[in-house]
Amino acid sequence: MSTKAERTTAYIIETVAPVFNKHGYIGTSMSDLTEATGLTKGALYGNFENKEALALAAFEYSSKRLLETIGEKLNTEGSSLEKLFALTKFYRNYDIFTLDMGGCPVLNVGVDAQHNNELLKSAAKETIKTIEGKIALVLENGVNNNELKLPVTPLQFAKQFYTMLQGAVAMATITGDRKYLLNTVAYLEQLVQKEIKK
């Protein structure tokens, strides 16, 4: 059973994660955080050393949610092809999944932190590497099980695959047009069927 302090810390992180994700590290003020949580500045700083520590905990919370969901999709029963399609199916509705998160944490935090927060920038890069690694593992198993043929190494293909998905997320976010997401996912599914399926 968690203590009251642990529950308060968890509540703060869950509540401020979408705020940081929407407004960015610099764009989020302490008054935004106190307003969202209903807690005083002192109560927030009683649980976190500073704003940076809170922003990092918030990103790690959102990132963990994303990684767990991607992990679930890629660990579904079936062939490597079915696992890849479970991932593309998830990305078809990615904007809906990330709605209560304040948008895509990888995109929002990754871009926002480039020039103002080294810790957040590194955390976003680490999340990207983890996702690419998960995809690469599915591809590698597909090659080893004689289900897939790849023109490049599994990691190289995984990086391209994720780049296209994340690029579609960026374009759909910037333009407010989810067709970027839907069309890219459809294209990737065709690519997998025609180019790498044995």
C-alpha atoms as a PDB file:
ATOM      1  CA  MET A   1       0.000   0.000   0.000  1.00  0.00           C
ATOM      2  CA  SER A   2       1.398   3.406  -0.958  1.00  0.00           C
ATOM      3  CA  THR A   3       1.836   6.188   1.572  1.00  0.00           C
ATOM      4  CA  LYS A   4       0.017   9.506   1.403  1.00  0.00           C
ATOM      5  CA  ALA A   5       3.268  11.167   0.208  1.00  0.00           C
ATOM      6  CA  GLU A   6       3.665   8.604  -2.587  1.00  0.00           C
ATOM      7  CA  ARG A   7       0.049   9.101  -3.663  1.00  0.00           C
ATOM      8  CA  THR A   8       0.535  12.888  -3.673  1.00  0.00           C
ATOM      9  CA  THR A   9       3.700  12.561  -5.785  1.00  0.00           C
ATOM     10  CA  ALA A  10       1.927  10.241  -8.245  1.00  0.00           C
ATOM     11  CA  TYR A  11      -1.052  12.627  -8.415  1.00  0.00           C
ATOM     12  CA  ILE A  12       1.232  15.591  -9.153  1.00  0.00           C
ATOM     13  CA  ILE A  13       3.092  13.744 -11.925  1.00  0.00           C
ATOM     14  CA  GLU A  14      -0.097  12.438 -13.586  1.00  0.00           C
ATOM     15  CA  THR A  15      -1.739  15.865 -13.400  1.00  0.00           C
ATOM     16  CA  VAL A  16       1.163  17.985 -14.671  1.00  0.00           C
ATOM     17  CA  ALA A  17       2.373  15.578 -17.407  1.00  0.00           C
ATOM     18  CA  PRO A  18      -0.172  16.806 -20.012  1.00  0.00           C
ATOM     19  CA  VAL A  19       0.474  20.437 -18.986  1.00  0.00           C
ATOM     20  CA  PHE A  20       4.217  20.162 -19.636  1.00  0.00           C
ATOM     21  CA  ASN A  21       3.549  18.153 -22.794  1.00  0.00           C
ATOM     22  CA  LYS A  22       1.232  20.841 -24.210  1.00  0.00           C
ATOM     23  CA  HIS A  23       3.098  23.978 -23.158  1.00  0.00           C
ATOM     24  CA  GLY A  24       6.694  22.782 -23.036  1.00  0.00           C
ATOM     25  CA  TYR A  25       9.264  23.219 -20.289  1.00  0.00           C
ATOM     26  CA  ILE A  26       9.759  26.985 -20.721  1.00  0.00           C
ATOM     27  CA  GLY A  27       6.101  27.633 -21.577  1.00  0.00           C
ATOM     28  CA  THR A  28       4.822  26.001 -18.387  1.00  0.00           C
ATOM     29  CA  SER A  29       4.696  28.388 -15.438  1.00  0.00           C
ATOM     30  CA  MET A  30       4.468  27.490 -11.766  1.00  0.00           C
ATOM     31  CA  SER A  31       0.985  29.021 -11.732  1.00  0.00           C
ATOM     32  CA  ASP A  32      -0.020  26.588 -14.532  1.00  0.00           C
ATOM     33  CA  LEU A  33       1.142  23.742 -12.295  1.00  0.00           C
ATOM     34  CA  THR A  34      -0.507  24.997  -9.096  1.00  0.00           C
ATOM     35  CA  GLU A  35      -3.736  25.641 -11.007  1.00  0.00           C
ATOM     36  CA  ALA A  36      -3.742  22.151 -12.551  1.00  0.00           C
ATOM     37  CA  THR A  37      -2.985  20.327  -9.300  1.00  0.00           C
ATOM     38  CA  GLY A  38      -4.842  22.582  -6.868  1.00  0.00           C
ATOM     39  CA  LEU A  39      -1.705  22.515  -4.720  1.00  0.00           C
ATOM     40  CA  THR A  40       0.528  25.357  -3.548  1.00  0.00           C
ATOM     41  CA  LYS A  41       3.979  26.054  -4.944  1.00  0.00           C
ATOM     42  CA  GLY A  42       5.374  24.902  -1.589  1.00  0.00           C
ATOM     43  CA  ALA A  43       3.513  21.594  -1.833  1.00  0.00           C
ATOM     44  CA  LEU A  44       4.910  21.010  -5.321  1.00  0.00           C
ATOM     45  CA  TYR A  45       8.457  21.829  -4.235  1.00  0.00           C
ATOM     46  CA  GLY A  46       7.963  19.683  -1.145  1.00  0.00           C
ATOM     47  CA  ASN A  47       7.715  16.716  -3.525  1.00  0.00           C
ATOM     48  CA  PHE A  48      10.165  17.796  -6.238  1.00  0.00           C
ATOM     49  CA  GLU A  49      13.509  19.553  -5.989  1.00  0.00           C
ATOM     50  CA  ASN A  50      12.700  22.015  -8.775  1.00  0.00           C
ATOM     51  CA  LYS A  51      10.703  22.552 -11.964  1.00  0.00           C
ATOM     52  CA  GLU A  52      13.219  20.561 -14.026  1.00  0.00           C
ATOM     53  CA  ALA A  53      12.880  17.494 -11.766  1.00  0.00           C
ATOM     54  CA  LEU A  54       9.090  17.737 -12.042  1.00  0.00           C
ATOM     55  CA  ALA A  55       9.218  18.117 -15.854  1.00  0.00           C
ATOM     56  CA  LEU A  56      11.513  15.097 -16.128  1.00  0.00           C
ATOM     57  CA  ALA A  57       9.245  12.973 -13.897  1.00  0.00           C
ATOM     58  CA  ALA A  58       6.255  14.086 -15.997  1.00  0.00           C
ATOM     59  CA  PHE A  59       7.978  13.108 -19.258  1.00  0.00           C
ATOM     60  CA  GLU A  60       9.083   9.759 -17.814  1.00  0.00           C
ATOM     61  CA  TYR A  61       5.471   9.086 -16.786  1.00  0.00           C
ATOM     62  CA  SER A  62       4.130   9.836 -20.301  1.00  0.00           C
ATOM     63  CA  SER A  63       7.015   7.998 -21.944  1.00  0.00           C
ATOM     64  CA  LYS A  64       6.416   4.905 -19.786  1.00  0.00           C
ATOM     65  CA  ARG A  65       2.725   4.865 -20.789  1.00  0.00           C
ATOM     66  CA  LEU A  66       3.721   5.056 -24.454  1.00  0.00           C
ATOM     67  CA  LEU A  67       6.472   2.416 -24.206  1.00  0.00           C
ATOM     68  CA  GLU A  68       4.211   0.000 -22.336  1.00  0.00           C
ATOM     69  CA  THR A  69       1.496   0.339 -24.983  1.00  0.00           C
ATOM     70  CA  ILE A  70       3.951  -0.100 -27.869  1.00  0.00           C
ATOM     71  CA  GLY A  71       5.431  -3.099 -26.018  1.00  0.00           C
ATOM     72  CA  GLU A  72       1.947  -4.638 -25.696  1.00  0.00           C
ATOM     73  CA  LYS A  73       1.302  -4.194 -29.432  1.00  0.00           C
ATOM     74  CA  LEU A  74       4.631  -5.722 -30.426  1.00  0.00           C
ATOM     75  CA  ASN A  75       4.256  -8.613 -27.978  1.00  0.00           C
ATOM     76  CA  THR A  76       0.900  -9.762 -29.341  1.00  0.00           C
ATOM     77  CA  GLU A  77       0.549 -13.398 -30.328  1.00  0.00           C
ATOM     78  CA  GLY A  78       1.360 -14.294 -33.906  1.00  0.00           C
ATOM     79  CA  SER A  79       3.950 -13.730 -36.591  1.00  0.00           C
ATOM     80  CA  SER A  80       6.301 -10.781 -36.842  1.00  0.00           C
ATOM     81  CA  LEU A  81       4.043  -9.481 -39.614  1.00  0.00           C
ATOM     82  CA  GLU A  82       1.043  -9.525 -37.271  1.00  0.00           C
ATOM     83  CA  LYS A  83       3.085  -7.734 -34.620  1.00  0.00           C
ATOM     84  CA  LEU A  84       4.102  -4.982 -37.077  1.00  0.00           C
ATOM     85  CA  PHE A  85       0.469  -4.587 -38.132  1.00  0.00           C
ATOM     86  CA  ALA A  86      -0.610  -4.367 -34.492  1.00  0.00           C
ATOM     87  CA  LEU A  87       1.805  -1.427 -34.210  1.00  0.00           C
ATOM     88  CA  THR A  88       0.582   0.290 -37.388  1.00  0.00           C
ATOM     89  CA  LYS A  89      -3.021  -0.211 -36.241  1.00  0.00           C
ATOM     90  CA  PHE A  90      -2.107   1.514 -32.955  1.00  0.00           C
ATOM     91  CA  TYR A  91      -0.524   4.436 -34.840  1.00  0.00           C
ATOM     92  CA  ARG A  92      -3.644   4.801 -36.991  1.00  0.00           C
ATOM     93  CA  ASN A  93      -5.321   6.119 -33.808  1.00  0.00           C
ATOM     94  CA  TYR A  94      -2.208   7.524 -32.140  1.00  0.00           C
ATOM     95  CA  ASP A  95      -3.614  11.055 -31.996  1.00  0.00           C
ATOM     96  CA  ILE A  96      -6.585   9.732 -30.007  1.00  0.00           C
ATOM     97  CA  PHE A  97      -4.308   7.727 -27.677  1.00  0.00           C
ATOM     98  CA  THR A  98      -2.179  10.811 -26.921  1.00  0.00           C
ATOM     99  CA  LEU A  99      -5.096  13.249 -26.562  1.00  0.00           C
ATOM    100  CA  ASP A 100      -5.268  13.095 -22.753  1.00  0.00           C
ATOM    101  CA  MET A 101      -1.451  13.194 -22.639  1.00  0.00           C
ATOM    102  CA  GLY A 102      -1.429  16.638 -24.240  1.00  0.00           C
ATOM    103  CA  GLY A 103      -0.127  15.219 -27.522  1.00  0.00           C
ATOM    104  CA  CYS A 104       2.802  13.016 -28.469  1.00  0.00           C
ATOM    105  CA  PRO A 105       5.426  13.188 -25.700  1.00  0.00           C
ATOM    106  CA  VAL A 106       8.249  12.169 -28.055  1.00  0.00           C
ATOM    107  CA  LEU A 107       7.411  14.923 -30.538  1.00  0.00           C
ATOM    108  CA  ASN A 108       6.450  17.663 -28.088  1.00  0.00           C
ATOM    109  CA  VAL A 109       9.191  17.187 -25.521  1.00  0.00           C
ATOM    110  CA  GLY A 110      11.809  16.140 -28.070  1.00  0.00           C
ATOM    111  CA  VAL A 111      11.397  19.347 -30.092  1.00  0.00           C
ATOM    112  CA  ASP A 112      10.737  21.679 -27.161  1.00  0.00           C
ATOM    113  CA  ALA A 113      13.778  20.542 -25.147  1.00  0.00           C
ATOM    114  CA  GLN A 114      16.302  20.834 -28.012  1.00  0.00           C
ATOM    115  CA  HIS A 115      17.614  24.231 -26.982  1.00  0.00           C
ATOM    116  CA  ASN A 116      16.524  24.638 -23.388  1.00  0.00           C
ATOM    117  CA  ASN A 117      16.797  21.411 -21.390  1.00  0.00           C
ATOM    118  CA  GLU A 118      19.540  18.853 -21.857  1.00  0.00           C
ATOM    119  CA  LEU A 119      17.995  16.311 -19.442  1.00  0.00           C
ATOM    120  CA  LEU A 120      14.629  16.288 -21.212  1.00  0.00           C
ATOM    121  CA  LYS A 121      16.319  16.197 -24.618  1.00  0.00           C
ATOM    122  CA  SER A 122      18.330  13.120 -23.558  1.00  0.00           C
ATOM    123  CA  ALA A 123      15.238  11.437 -22.097  1.00  0.00           C
ATOM    124  CA  ALA A 124      13.333  11.943 -25.373  1.00  0.00           C
ATOM    125  CA  LYS A 125      16.257  10.530 -27.383  1.00  0.00           C
ATOM    126  CA  GLU A 126      16.379   7.509 -25.058  1.00  0.00           C
ATOM    127  CA  THR A 127      12.660   6.876 -25.595  1.00  0.00           C
ATOM    128  CA  ILE A 128      13.172   6.983 -29.382  1.00  0.00           C
ATOM    129  CA  LYS A 129      16.049   4.492 -29.141  1.00  0.00           C
ATOM    130  CA  THR A 130      13.920   2.181 -26.989  1.00  0.00           C
ATOM    131  CA  ILE A 131      11.026   2.233 -29.481  1.00  0.00           C
ATOM    132  CA  GLU A 132      13.382   1.597 -32.409  1.00  0.00           C
ATOM    133  CA  GLY A 133      14.940  -1.281 -30.466  1.00  0.00           C
ATOM    134  CA  LYS A 134      11.539  -2.867 -29.825  1.00  0.00           C
ATOM    135  CA  ILE A 135      10.667  -2.672 -33.541  1.00  0.00           C
ATOM    136  CA  ALA A 136      14.109  -4.005 -34.530  1.00  0.00           C
ATOM    137  CA  LEU A 137      13.656  -7.033 -32.277  1.00  0.00           C
ATOM    138  CA  VAL A 138      10.383  -7.953 -34.014  1.00  0.00           C
ATOM    139  CA  LEU A 139      12.071  -7.528 -37.414  1.00  0.00           C
ATOM    140  CA  GLU A 140      15.078  -9.604 -36.369  1.00  0.00           C
ATOM    141  CA  ASN A 141      12.805 -12.401 -35.138  1.00  0.00           C
ATOM    142  CA  GLY A 142      10.901 -12.164 -38.440  1.00  0.00           C
ATOM    143  CA  VAL A 143      14.117 -12.641 -40.424  1.00  0.00           C
ATOM    144  CA  ASN A 144      15.279 -15.500 -38.156  1.00  0.00           C
ATOM    145  CA  ASN A 145      11.881 -17.238 -38.477  1.00  0.00           C
ATOM    146  CA  ASN A 146      12.027 -16.861 -42.266  1.00  0.00           C
ATOM    147  CA  GLU A 147       8.934 -14.588 -42.306  1.00  0.00           C
ATOM    148  CA  LEU A 148      10.646 -11.399 -43.474  1.00  0.00           C
ATOM    149  CA  LYS A 149      13.437 -10.371 -45.821  1.00  0.00           C
ATOM    150  CA  LEU A 150      15.069  -7.012 -45.129  1.00  0.00           C
ATOM    151  CA  PRO A 151      17.192  -4.930 -47.523  1.00  0.00           C
ATOM    152  CA  VAL A 152      19.137  -3.520 -44.536  1.00  0.00           C
ATOM    153  CA  THR A 153      19.815  -4.523 -40.912  1.00  0.00           C
ATOM    154  CA  PRO A 154      16.764  -4.847 -38.620  1.00  0.00           C
ATOM    155  CA  LEU A 155      17.803  -1.754 -36.629  1.00  0.00           C
ATOM    156  CA  GLN A 156      18.279   0.320 -39.787  1.00  0.00           C
ATOM    157  CA  PHE A 157      14.860  -0.727 -41.082  1.00  0.00           C
ATOM    158  CA  ALA A 158      13.304  -0.083 -37.650  1.00  0.00           C
ATOM    159  CA  LYS A 159      14.756   3.452 -37.625  1.00  0.00           C
ATOM    160  CA  GLN A 160      13.244   4.193 -41.062  1.00  0.00           C
ATOM    161  CA  PHE A 161       9.937   2.604 -40.094  1.00  0.00           C
ATOM    162  CA  TYR A 162       9.699   4.667 -36.900  1.00  0.00           C
ATOM    163  CA  THR A 163      10.884   7.817 -38.684  1.00  0.00           C
ATOM    164  CA  MET A 164       7.955   7.519 -41.093  1.00  0.00           C
ATOM    165  CA  LEU A 165       5.470   6.939 -38.272  1.00  0.00           C
ATOM    166  CA  GLN A 166       6.834   9.805 -36.189  1.00  0.00           C
ATOM    167  CA  GLY A 167       7.029  12.081 -39.239  1.00  0.00           C
ATOM    168  CA  ALA A 168       3.351  11.377 -39.878  1.00  0.00           C
ATOM    169  CA  VAL A 169       2.603  12.186 -36.223  1.00  0.00           C
ATOM    170  CA  ALA A 170       4.463  15.499 -36.625  1.00  0.00           C
ATOM    171  CA  MET A 171       2.653  16.451 -39.841  1.00  0.00           C
ATOM    172  CA  ALA A 172      -0.768  15.460 -38.472  1.00  0.00           C
ATOM    173  CA  THR A 173      -0.054  17.478 -35.317  1.00  0.00           C
ATOM    174  CA  ILE A 174       1.186  20.582 -37.147  1.00  0.00           C
ATOM    175  CA  THR A 175      -1.574  20.656 -39.772  1.00  0.00           C
ATOM    176  CA  GLY A 176      -4.410  19.252 -37.653  1.00  0.00           C
ATOM    177  CA  ASP A 177      -5.043  16.782 -40.492  1.00  0.00           C
ATOM    178  CA  ARG A 178      -5.048  13.126 -39.433  1.00  0.00           C
ATOM    179  CA  LYS A 179      -4.859  12.001 -43.096  1.00  0.00           C
ATOM    180  CA  TYR A 180      -1.078  12.327 -42.758  1.00  0.00           C
ATOM    181  CA  LEU A 181      -1.245   9.592 -40.129  1.00  0.00           C
ATOM    182  CA  LEU A 182      -3.767   7.399 -41.951  1.00  0.00           C
ATOM    183  CA  ASN A 183      -2.029   7.626 -45.341  1.00  0.00           C
ATOM    184  CA  THR A 184       1.441   6.948 -43.923  1.00  0.00           C
ATOM    185  CA  VAL A 185       0.199   3.942 -41.961  1.00  0.00           C
ATOM    186  CA  ALA A 186      -1.531   2.585 -45.101  1.00  0.00           C
ATOM    187  CA  TYR A 187       1.678   3.107 -47.088  1.00  0.00           C
ATOM    188  CA  LEU A 188       3.801   1.364 -44.446  1.00  0.00           C
ATOM    189  CA  GLU A 189       1.432  -1.612 -44.385  1.00  0.00           C
ATOM    190  CA  GLN A 190       1.718  -1.893 -48.188  1.00  0.00           C
ATOM    191  CA  LEU A 191       5.510  -1.589 -47.948  1.00  0.00           C
ATOM    192  CA  VAL A 192       5.689  -4.405 -45.399  1.00  0.00           C
ATOM    193  CA  GLN A 193       3.380  -6.657 -47.487  1.00  0.00           C
ATOM    194  CA  LYS A 194       5.110  -6.048 -50.790  1.00  0.00           C
ATOM    195  CA  GLU A 195       8.753  -5.448 -49.878  1.00  0.00           C
ATOM    196  CA  ILE A 196       9.709  -7.380 -46.751  1.00  0.00           C
ATOM    197  CA  LYS A 197       7.133 -10.181 -46.366  1.00  0.00           C
ATOM    198  CA  LYS A 198       8.549 -13.509 -47.580  1.00  0.00           C
END
